[in-house]
């Protein structure tokens, strides 16, 4: 498995998921809060303070998610290659 292409793919997918999530929160906050409460086993996310979605926050989050996805993808592919020998 080639590390860089795998890392690039994971970074791209992570970025797309982040943008879809941001759009969902912006368009239907209550539905997303409820959905993520169910995903995290009933944690009441509605009890947490709510911030407005800002373009700066979306961009910052997107950058962090894409970089993290790339690094984790590279580490995963590298470990896979070492363990597959």
PDB file of N, CA and C in Angstrom:
ATOM      1  N   UNK A   1       0.861  -1.169   0.000  1.00  0.00           N
ATOM      2  CA  UNK A   1       0.000   0.000   0.000  1.00  0.00           C
ATOM      3  C   UNK A   1       0.910   1.235   0.000  1.00  0.00           C
ATOM      4  N   UNK A   2       0.630   2.144  -0.901  1.00  0.00           N
ATOM      5  CA  UNK A   2       1.440   3.361  -0.969  1.00  0.00           C
ATOM      6  C   UNK A   2       0.942   4.359   0.070  1.00  0.00           C
ATOM      7  N   UNK A   3       1.859   4.821   0.913  1.00  0.00           N
ATOM      8  CA  UNK A   3       1.497   5.678   2.035  1.00  0.00           C
ATOM      9  C   UNK A   3       0.895   7.017   1.612  1.00  0.00           C
ATOM     10  N   UNK A   4       1.535   7.705   0.691  1.00  0.00           N
ATOM     11  CA  UNK A   4       1.092   9.058   0.325  1.00  0.00           C
ATOM     12  C   UNK A   4      -0.285   9.047  -0.354  1.00  0.00           C
ATOM     13  N   UNK A   5      -0.530   8.170  -1.344  1.00  0.00           N
ATOM     14  CA  UNK A   5      -1.884   8.166  -1.926  1.00  0.00           C
ATOM     15  C   UNK A   5      -2.969   7.806  -0.905  1.00  0.00           C
ATOM     16  N   UNK A   6      -2.663   6.858  -0.004  1.00  0.00           N
ATOM     17  CA  UNK A   6      -3.639   6.508   1.020  1.00  0.00           C
ATOM     18  C   UNK A   6      -3.892   7.700   1.937  1.00  0.00           C
ATOM     19  N   UNK A   7      -2.828   8.377   2.351  1.00  0.00           N
ATOM     20  CA  UNK A   7      -2.961   9.552   3.213  1.00  0.00           C
ATOM     21  C   UNK A   7      -3.736  10.654   2.503  1.00  0.00           C
ATOM     22  N   UNK A   8      -3.461  10.865   1.218  1.00  0.00           N
ATOM     23  CA  UNK A   8      -4.201  11.875   0.453  1.00  0.00           C
ATOM     24  C   UNK A   8      -5.693  11.547   0.400  1.00  0.00           C
ATOM     25  N   UNK A   9      -6.014  10.284   0.167  1.00  0.00           N
ATOM     26  CA  UNK A   9      -7.415   9.871   0.086  1.00  0.00           C
ATOM     27  C   UNK A   9      -8.123  10.069   1.426  1.00  0.00           C
ATOM     28  N   UNK A  10      -7.469   9.678   2.515  1.00  0.00           N
ATOM     29  CA  UNK A  10      -8.094   9.840   3.830  1.00  0.00           C
ATOM     30  C   UNK A  10      -8.265  11.314   4.172  1.00  0.00           C
ATOM     31  N   UNK A  11      -7.295  12.140   3.830  1.00  0.00           N
ATOM     32  CA  UNK A  11      -7.409  13.579   4.079  1.00  0.00           C
ATOM     33  C   UNK A  11      -8.579  14.163   3.299  1.00  0.00           C
ATOM     34  N   UNK A  12      -8.737  13.761   2.037  1.00  0.00           N
ATOM     35  CA  UNK A  12      -9.835  14.257   1.211  1.00  0.00           C
ATOM     36  C   UNK A  12     -11.188  13.828   1.762  1.00  0.00           C
ATOM     37  N   UNK A  13     -11.321  12.557   2.100  1.00  0.00           N
ATOM     38  CA  UNK A  13     -12.582  12.062   2.655  1.00  0.00           C
ATOM     39  C   UNK A  13     -12.886  12.746   3.985  1.00  0.00           C
ATOM     40  N   UNK A  14     -11.889  12.916   4.828  1.00  0.00           N
ATOM     41  CA  UNK A  14     -12.080  13.585   6.118  1.00  0.00           C
ATOM     42  C   UNK A  14     -12.558  15.022   5.921  1.00  0.00           C
ATOM     43  N   UNK A  15     -11.953  15.715   4.973  1.00  0.00           N
ATOM     44  CA  UNK A  15     -12.359  17.084   4.681  1.00  0.00           C
ATOM     45  C   UNK A  15     -13.790  17.160   4.184  1.00  0.00           C
ATOM     46  N   UNK A  16     -14.172  16.242   3.296  1.00  0.00           N
ATOM     47  CA  UNK A  16     -15.554  16.227   2.791  1.00  0.00           C
ATOM     48  C   UNK A  16     -16.560  15.953   3.905  1.00  0.00           C
ATOM     49  N   UNK A  17     -16.246  15.002   4.763  1.00  0.00           N
ATOM     50  CA  UNK A  17     -17.138  14.706   5.887  1.00  0.00           C
ATOM     51  C   UNK A  17     -17.259  15.920   6.808  1.00  0.00           C
ATOM     52  N   UNK A  18     -16.146  16.610   7.039  1.00  0.00           N
ATOM     53  CA  UNK A  18     -16.173  17.802   7.881  1.00  0.00           C
ATOM     54  C   UNK A  18     -17.068  18.882   7.271  1.00  0.00           C
ATOM     55  N   UNK A  19     -16.959  19.097   5.968  1.00  0.00           N
ATOM     56  CA  UNK A  19     -17.798  20.097   5.305  1.00  0.00           C
ATOM     57  C   UNK A  19     -19.276  19.708   5.321  1.00  0.00           C
ATOM     58  N   UNK A  20     -19.554  18.432   5.113  1.00  0.00           N
ATOM     59  CA  UNK A  20     -20.942  17.956   5.167  1.00  0.00           C
ATOM     60  C   UNK A  20     -21.508  18.152   6.565  1.00  0.00           C
ATOM     61  N   UNK A  21     -20.712  17.847   7.574  1.00  0.00           N
ATOM     62  CA  UNK A  21     -21.150  18.031   8.961  1.00  0.00           C
ATOM     63  C   UNK A  21     -21.412  19.506   9.256  1.00  0.00           C
ATOM     64  N   UNK A  22     -20.494  20.372   8.828  1.00  0.00           N
ATOM     65  CA  UNK A  22     -20.679  21.810   9.062  1.00  0.00           C
ATOM     66  C   UNK A  22     -21.951  22.305   8.382  1.00  0.00           C
ATOM     67  N   UNK A  23     -22.193  21.848   7.162  1.00  0.00           N
ATOM     68  CA  UNK A  23     -23.413  22.244   6.452  1.00  0.00           C
ATOM     69  C   UNK A  23     -24.653  21.734   7.169  1.00  0.00           C
ATOM     70  N   UNK A  24     -24.585  20.521   7.669  1.00  0.00           N
ATOM     71  CA  UNK A  24     -25.712  19.964   8.410  1.00  0.00           C
ATOM     72  C   UNK A  24     -26.022  20.738   9.674  1.00  0.00           C
ATOM     73  N   UNK A  25     -24.989  21.109  10.406  1.00  0.00           N
ATOM     74  CA  UNK A  25     -25.197  21.898  11.625  1.00  0.00           C
ATOM     75  C   UNK A  25     -25.760  23.268  11.280  1.00  0.00           C
ATOM     76  N   UNK A  26     -25.270  23.862  10.211  1.00  0.00           N
ATOM     77  CA  UNK A  26     -25.743  25.182   9.799  1.00  0.00           C
ATOM     78  C   UNK A  26     -27.199  25.129   9.339  1.00  0.00           C
ATOM     79  N   UNK A  27     -27.567  24.073   8.608  1.00  0.00           N
ATOM     80  CA  UNK A  27     -28.916  23.970   8.046  1.00  0.00           C
ATOM     81  C   UNK A  27     -29.943  23.385   9.013  1.00  0.00           C
ATOM     82  N   UNK A  28     -29.532  22.457   9.856  1.00  0.00           N
ATOM     83  CA  UNK A  28     -30.483  21.755  10.724  1.00  0.00           C
ATOM     84  C   UNK A  28     -29.818  21.407  12.053  1.00  0.00           C
ATOM     85  N   UNK A  29     -29.495  22.433  12.823  1.00  0.00           N
ATOM     86  CA  UNK A  29     -28.757  22.252  14.077  1.00  0.00           C
ATOM     87  C   UNK A  29     -29.421  21.254  15.018  1.00  0.00           C
ATOM     88  N   UNK A  30     -30.701  21.403  15.274  1.00  0.00           N
ATOM     89  CA  UNK A  30     -31.372  20.523  16.239  1.00  0.00           C
ATOM     90  C   UNK A  30     -31.328  19.064  15.804  1.00  0.00           C
ATOM     91  N   UNK A  31     -31.527  18.817  14.521  1.00  0.00           N
ATOM     92  CA  UNK A  31     -31.485  17.446  14.020  1.00  0.00           C
ATOM     93  C   UNK A  31     -30.082  16.862  14.183  1.00  0.00           C
ATOM     94  N   UNK A  32     -29.061  17.645  13.883  1.00  0.00           N
ATOM     95  CA  UNK A  32     -27.695  17.158  14.018  1.00  0.00           C
ATOM     96  C   UNK A  32     -27.317  16.929  15.471  1.00  0.00           C
ATOM     97  N   UNK A  33     -27.732  17.817  16.344  1.00  0.00           N
ATOM     98  CA  UNK A  33     -27.450  17.626  17.775  1.00  0.00           C
ATOM     99  C   UNK A  33     -28.105  16.335  18.254  1.00  0.00           C
ATOM    100  N   UNK A  34     -29.324  16.094  17.836  1.00  0.00           N
ATOM    101  CA  UNK A  34     -30.010  14.857  18.209  1.00  0.00           C
ATOM    102  C   UNK A  34     -29.328  13.627  17.632  1.00  0.00           C
ATOM    103  N   UNK A  35     -28.933  13.703  16.364  1.00  0.00           N
ATOM    104  CA  UNK A  35     -28.266  12.578  15.708  1.00  0.00           C
ATOM    105  C   UNK A  35     -26.944  12.247  16.392  1.00  0.00           C
ATOM    106  N   UNK A  36     -26.139  13.241  16.663  1.00  0.00           N
ATOM    107  CA  UNK A  36     -24.850  12.980  17.300  1.00  0.00           C
ATOM    108  C   UNK A  36     -25.011  12.538  18.749  1.00  0.00           C
ATOM    109  N   UNK A  37     -26.066  12.963  19.400  1.00  0.00           N
ATOM    110  CA  UNK A  37     -26.361  12.447  20.737  1.00  0.00           C
ATOM    111  C   UNK A  37     -26.612  10.953  20.704  1.00  0.00           C
ATOM    112  N   UNK A  38     -27.285  10.493  19.655  1.00  0.00           N
ATOM    113  CA  UNK A  38     -27.535   9.056  19.505  1.00  0.00           C
ATOM    114  C   UNK A  38     -26.255   8.309  19.139  1.00  0.00           C
ATOM    115  N   UNK A  39     -25.450   8.894  18.265  1.00  0.00           N
ATOM    116  CA  UNK A  39     -24.194   8.252  17.871  1.00  0.00           C
ATOM    117  C   UNK A  39     -23.283   8.068  19.080  1.00  0.00           C
ATOM    118  N   UNK A  40     -23.277   9.065  19.979  1.00  0.00           N
ATOM    119  CA  UNK A  40     -22.429   8.993  21.172  1.00  0.00           C
ATOM    120  C   UNK A  40     -23.189   8.431  22.360  1.00  0.00           C
ATOM    121  N   UNK A  41     -24.043   7.467  22.096  1.00  0.00           N
ATOM    122  CA  UNK A  41     -24.717   6.648  23.102  1.00  0.00           C
ATOM    123  C   UNK A  41     -25.544   7.448  24.101  1.00  0.00           C
ATOM    124  N   UNK A  42     -26.319   8.384  23.566  1.00  0.00           N
ATOM    125  CA  UNK A  42     -27.283   9.088  24.394  1.00  0.00           C
ATOM    126  C   UNK A  42     -26.756  10.280  25.164  1.00  0.00           C
ATOM    127  N   UNK A  43     -25.536  10.720  24.905  1.00  0.00           N
ATOM    128  CA  UNK A  43     -25.035  11.916  25.580  1.00  0.00           C
ATOM    129  C   UNK A  43     -25.915  13.085  25.159  1.00  0.00           C
ATOM    130  N   UNK A  44     -26.332  13.875  26.119  1.00  0.00           N
ATOM    131  CA  UNK A  44     -27.225  15.002  25.834  1.00  0.00           C
ATOM    132  C   UNK A  44     -26.406  16.200  25.376  1.00  0.00           C
ATOM    133  N   UNK A  45     -26.145  16.251  24.083  1.00  0.00           N
ATOM    134  CA  UNK A  45     -25.366  17.352  23.537  1.00  0.00           C
ATOM    135  C   UNK A  45     -26.146  18.660  23.567  1.00  0.00           C
ATOM    136  N   UNK A  46     -27.461  18.571  23.643  1.00  0.00           N
ATOM    137  CA  UNK A  46     -28.278  19.782  23.698  1.00  0.00           C
ATOM    138  C   UNK A  46     -28.016  20.561  24.988  1.00  0.00           C
ATOM    139  N   UNK A  47     -27.492  19.894  26.023  1.00  0.00           N
ATOM    140  CA  UNK A  47     -27.211  20.562  27.289  1.00  0.00           C
ATOM    141  C   UNK A  47     -25.936  21.403  27.224  1.00  0.00           C
ATOM    142  N   UNK A  48     -25.141  21.210  26.193  1.00  0.00           N
ATOM    143  CA  UNK A  48     -23.899  21.973  26.054  1.00  0.00           C
ATOM    144  C   UNK A  48     -24.186  23.356  25.483  1.00  0.00           C
ATOM    145  N   UNK A  49     -23.340  24.319  25.808  1.00  0.00           N
ATOM    146  CA  UNK A  49     -23.526  25.654  25.224  1.00  0.00           C
ATOM    147  C   UNK A  49     -23.408  25.584  23.698  1.00  0.00           C
ATOM    148  N   UNK A  50     -24.214  26.344  23.013  1.00  0.00           N
ATOM    149  CA  UNK A  50     -24.244  26.336  21.551  1.00  0.00           C
ATOM    150  C   UNK A  50     -23.539  27.577  21.014  1.00  0.00           C
ATOM    151  N   UNK A  51     -22.616  27.362  20.079  1.00  0.00           N
ATOM    152  CA  UNK A  51     -21.964  28.461  19.382  1.00  0.00           C
ATOM    153  C   UNK A  51     -22.527  28.516  17.968  1.00  0.00           C
ATOM    154  N   UNK A  52     -22.520  29.691  17.411  1.00  0.00           N
ATOM    155  CA  UNK A  52     -22.938  29.826  16.021  1.00  0.00           C
ATOM    156  C   UNK A  52     -21.835  29.310  15.102  1.00  0.00           C
ATOM    157  N   UNK A  53     -22.236  28.750  13.989  1.00  0.00           N
ATOM    158  CA  UNK A  53     -21.283  28.297  12.995  1.00  0.00           C
ATOM    159  C   UNK A  53     -20.724  29.525  12.285  1.00  0.00           C
ATOM    160  N   UNK A  54     -19.393  29.639  12.258  1.00  0.00           N
ATOM    161  CA  UNK A  54     -18.753  30.756  11.566  1.00  0.00           C
ATOM    162  C   UNK A  54     -17.861  30.209  10.456  1.00  0.00           C
ATOM    163  N   UNK A  55     -17.634  31.017   9.455  1.00  0.00           N
ATOM    164  CA  UNK A  55     -16.764  30.599   8.358  1.00  0.00           C
ATOM    165  C   UNK A  55     -15.348  30.345   8.869  1.00  0.00           C
ATOM    166  N   UNK A  56     -14.874  31.174   9.795  1.00  0.00           N
ATOM    167  CA  UNK A  56     -13.547  30.965  10.372  1.00  0.00           C
ATOM    168  C   UNK A  56     -13.450  29.651  11.119  1.00  0.00           C
ATOM    169  N   UNK A  57     -14.495  29.341  11.870  1.00  0.00           N
ATOM    170  CA  UNK A  57     -14.514  28.075  12.601  1.00  0.00           C
ATOM    171  C   UNK A  57     -14.547  26.879  11.671  1.00  0.00           C
ATOM    172  N   UNK A  58     -15.327  26.980  10.597  1.00  0.00           N
ATOM    173  CA  UNK A  58     -15.400  25.896   9.620  1.00  0.00           C
ATOM    174  C   UNK A  58     -14.044  25.698   8.951  1.00  0.00           C
ATOM    175  N   UNK A  59     -13.394  26.780   8.567  1.00  0.00           N
ATOM    176  CA  UNK A  59     -12.091  26.684   7.898  1.00  0.00           C
ATOM    177  C   UNK A  59     -11.030  26.128   8.845  1.00  0.00           C
ATOM    178  N   UNK A  60     -11.011  26.612  10.077  1.00  0.00           N
ATOM    179  CA  UNK A  60     -10.049  26.103  11.065  1.00  0.00           C
ATOM    180  C   UNK A  60     -10.268  24.613  11.304  1.00  0.00           C
ATOM    181  N   UNK A  61     -11.520  24.223  11.525  1.00  0.00           N
ATOM    182  CA  UNK A  61     -11.832  22.808  11.731  1.00  0.00           C
ATOM    183  C   UNK A  61     -11.462  21.967  10.523  1.00  0.00           C
ATOM    184  N   UNK A  62     -11.725  22.490   9.329  1.00  0.00           N
ATOM    185  CA  UNK A  62     -11.400  21.766   8.104  1.00  0.00           C
ATOM    186  C   UNK A  62      -9.892  21.544   7.982  1.00  0.00           C
ATOM    187  N   UNK A  63      -9.118  22.557   8.280  1.00  0.00           N
ATOM    188  CA  UNK A  63      -7.655  22.436   8.207  1.00  0.00           C
ATOM    189  C   UNK A  63      -7.159  21.377   9.192  1.00  0.00           C
ATOM    190  N   UNK A  64      -7.665  21.421  10.419  1.00  0.00           N
ATOM    191  CA  UNK A  64      -7.238  20.448  11.435  1.00  0.00           C
ATOM    192  C   UNK A  64      -7.632  19.032  11.026  1.00  0.00           C
ATOM    193  N   UNK A  65      -8.847  18.862  10.523  1.00  0.00           N
ATOM    194  CA  UNK A  65      -9.324  17.535  10.134  1.00  0.00           C
ATOM    195  C   UNK A  65      -8.526  16.994   8.954  1.00  0.00           C
ATOM    196  N   UNK A  66      -8.250  17.821   7.961  1.00  0.00           N
ATOM    197  CA  UNK A  66      -7.516  17.363   6.781  1.00  0.00           C
ATOM    198  C   UNK A  66      -6.074  16.988   7.160  1.00  0.00           C
ATOM    199  N   UNK A  67      -5.416  17.819   7.941  1.00  0.00           N
ATOM    200  CA  UNK A  67      -4.040  17.504   8.359  1.00  0.00           C
ATOM    201  C   UNK A  67      -4.017  16.239   9.214  1.00  0.00           C
ATOM    202  N   UNK A  68      -4.940  16.139  10.152  1.00  0.00           N
ATOM    203  CA  UNK A  68      -5.006  14.945  11.006  1.00  0.00           C
ATOM    204  C   UNK A  68      -5.294  13.700  10.175  1.00  0.00           C
ATOM    205  N   UNK A  69      -6.208  13.814   9.232  1.00  0.00           N
ATOM    206  CA  UNK A  69      -6.528  12.680   8.363  1.00  0.00           C
ATOM    207  C   UNK A  69      -5.318  12.232   7.560  1.00  0.00           C
ATOM    208  N   UNK A  70      -4.557  13.204   7.039  1.00  0.00           N
ATOM    209  CA  UNK A  70      -3.380  12.860   6.252  1.00  0.00           C
ATOM    210  C   UNK A  70      -2.340  12.149   7.110  1.00  0.00           C
ATOM    211  N   UNK A  71      -2.054  12.713   8.270  1.00  0.00           N
ATOM    212  CA  UNK A  71      -1.046  12.114   9.161  1.00  0.00           C
ATOM    213  C   UNK A  71      -1.472  10.707   9.592  1.00  0.00           C
ATOM    214  N   UNK A  72      -2.721  10.563  10.005  1.00  0.00           N
ATOM    215  CA  UNK A  72      -3.200   9.243  10.429  1.00  0.00           C
ATOM    216  C   UNK A  72      -3.215   8.254   9.264  1.00  0.00           C
ATOM    217  N   UNK A  73      -3.587   8.725   8.080  1.00  0.00           N
ATOM    218  CA  UNK A  73      -3.566   7.855   6.909  1.00  0.00           C
ATOM    219  C   UNK A  73      -2.167   7.377   6.582  1.00  0.00           C
ATOM    220  N   UNK A  74      -1.202   8.265   6.665  1.00  0.00           N
ATOM    221  CA  UNK A  74       0.185   7.891   6.386  1.00  0.00           C
ATOM    222  C   UNK A  74       0.691   6.886   7.422  1.00  0.00           C
ATOM    223  N   UNK A  75       0.400   7.156   8.687  1.00  0.00           N
ATOM    224  CA  UNK A  75       0.827   6.232   9.759  1.00  0.00           C
ATOM    225  C   UNK A  75       0.165   4.872   9.577  1.00  0.00           C
ATOM    226  N   UNK A  76      -1.133   4.870   9.276  1.00  0.00           N
ATOM    227  CA  UNK A  76      -1.857   3.609   9.086  1.00  0.00           C
ATOM    228  C   UNK A  76      -1.240   2.806   7.944  1.00  0.00           C
ATOM    229  N   UNK A  77      -1.037   3.437   6.781  1.00  0.00           N
ATOM    230  CA  UNK A  77      -0.491   2.722   5.626  1.00  0.00           C
ATOM    231  C   UNK A  77       0.920   2.226   5.908  1.00  0.00           C
ATOM    232  N   UNK A  78       1.714   3.033   6.588  1.00  0.00           N
ATOM    233  CA  UNK A  78       3.073   2.637   6.929  1.00  0.00           C
ATOM    234  C   UNK A  78       3.077   1.423   7.853  1.00  0.00           C
ATOM    235  N   UNK A  79       2.246   1.468   8.877  1.00  0.00           N
ATOM    236  CA  UNK A  79       2.154   0.321   9.798  1.00  0.00           C
ATOM    237  C   UNK A  79       1.609  -0.914   9.091  1.00  0.00           C
ATOM    238  N   UNK A  80       0.632  -0.721   8.230  1.00  0.00           N
ATOM    239  CA  UNK A  80       0.072  -1.833   7.469  1.00  0.00           C
ATOM    240  C   UNK A  80       1.177  -2.515   6.660  1.00  0.00           C
ATOM    241  N   UNK A  81       1.977  -1.706   5.981  1.00  0.00           N
ATOM    242  CA  UNK A  81       3.060  -2.262   5.165  1.00  0.00           C
ATOM    243  C   UNK A  81       4.074  -3.029   6.005  1.00  0.00           C
ATOM    244  N   UNK A  82       4.395  -2.513   7.174  1.00  0.00           N
ATOM    245  CA  UNK A  82       5.364  -3.198   8.049  1.00  0.00           C
ATOM    246  C   UNK A  82       4.781  -4.511   8.579  1.00  0.00           C
ATOM    247  N   UNK A  83       3.504  -4.499   8.951  1.00  0.00           N
ATOM    248  CA  UNK A  83       2.869  -5.686   9.517  1.00  0.00           C
ATOM    249  C   UNK A  83       2.522  -6.731   8.454  1.00  0.00           C
ATOM    250  N   UNK A  84       2.369  -6.306   7.222  1.00  0.00           N
ATOM    251  CA  UNK A  84       2.010  -7.225   6.142  1.00  0.00           C
ATOM    252  C   UNK A  84       3.193  -8.042   5.642  1.00  0.00           C
ATOM    253  N   UNK A  85       4.396  -7.682   6.069  1.00  0.00           N
ATOM    254  CA  UNK A  85       5.610  -8.413   5.614  1.00  0.00           C
ATOM    255  C   UNK A  85       5.718  -9.755   6.280  1.00  0.00           C
TER     256      UNK A  85
END
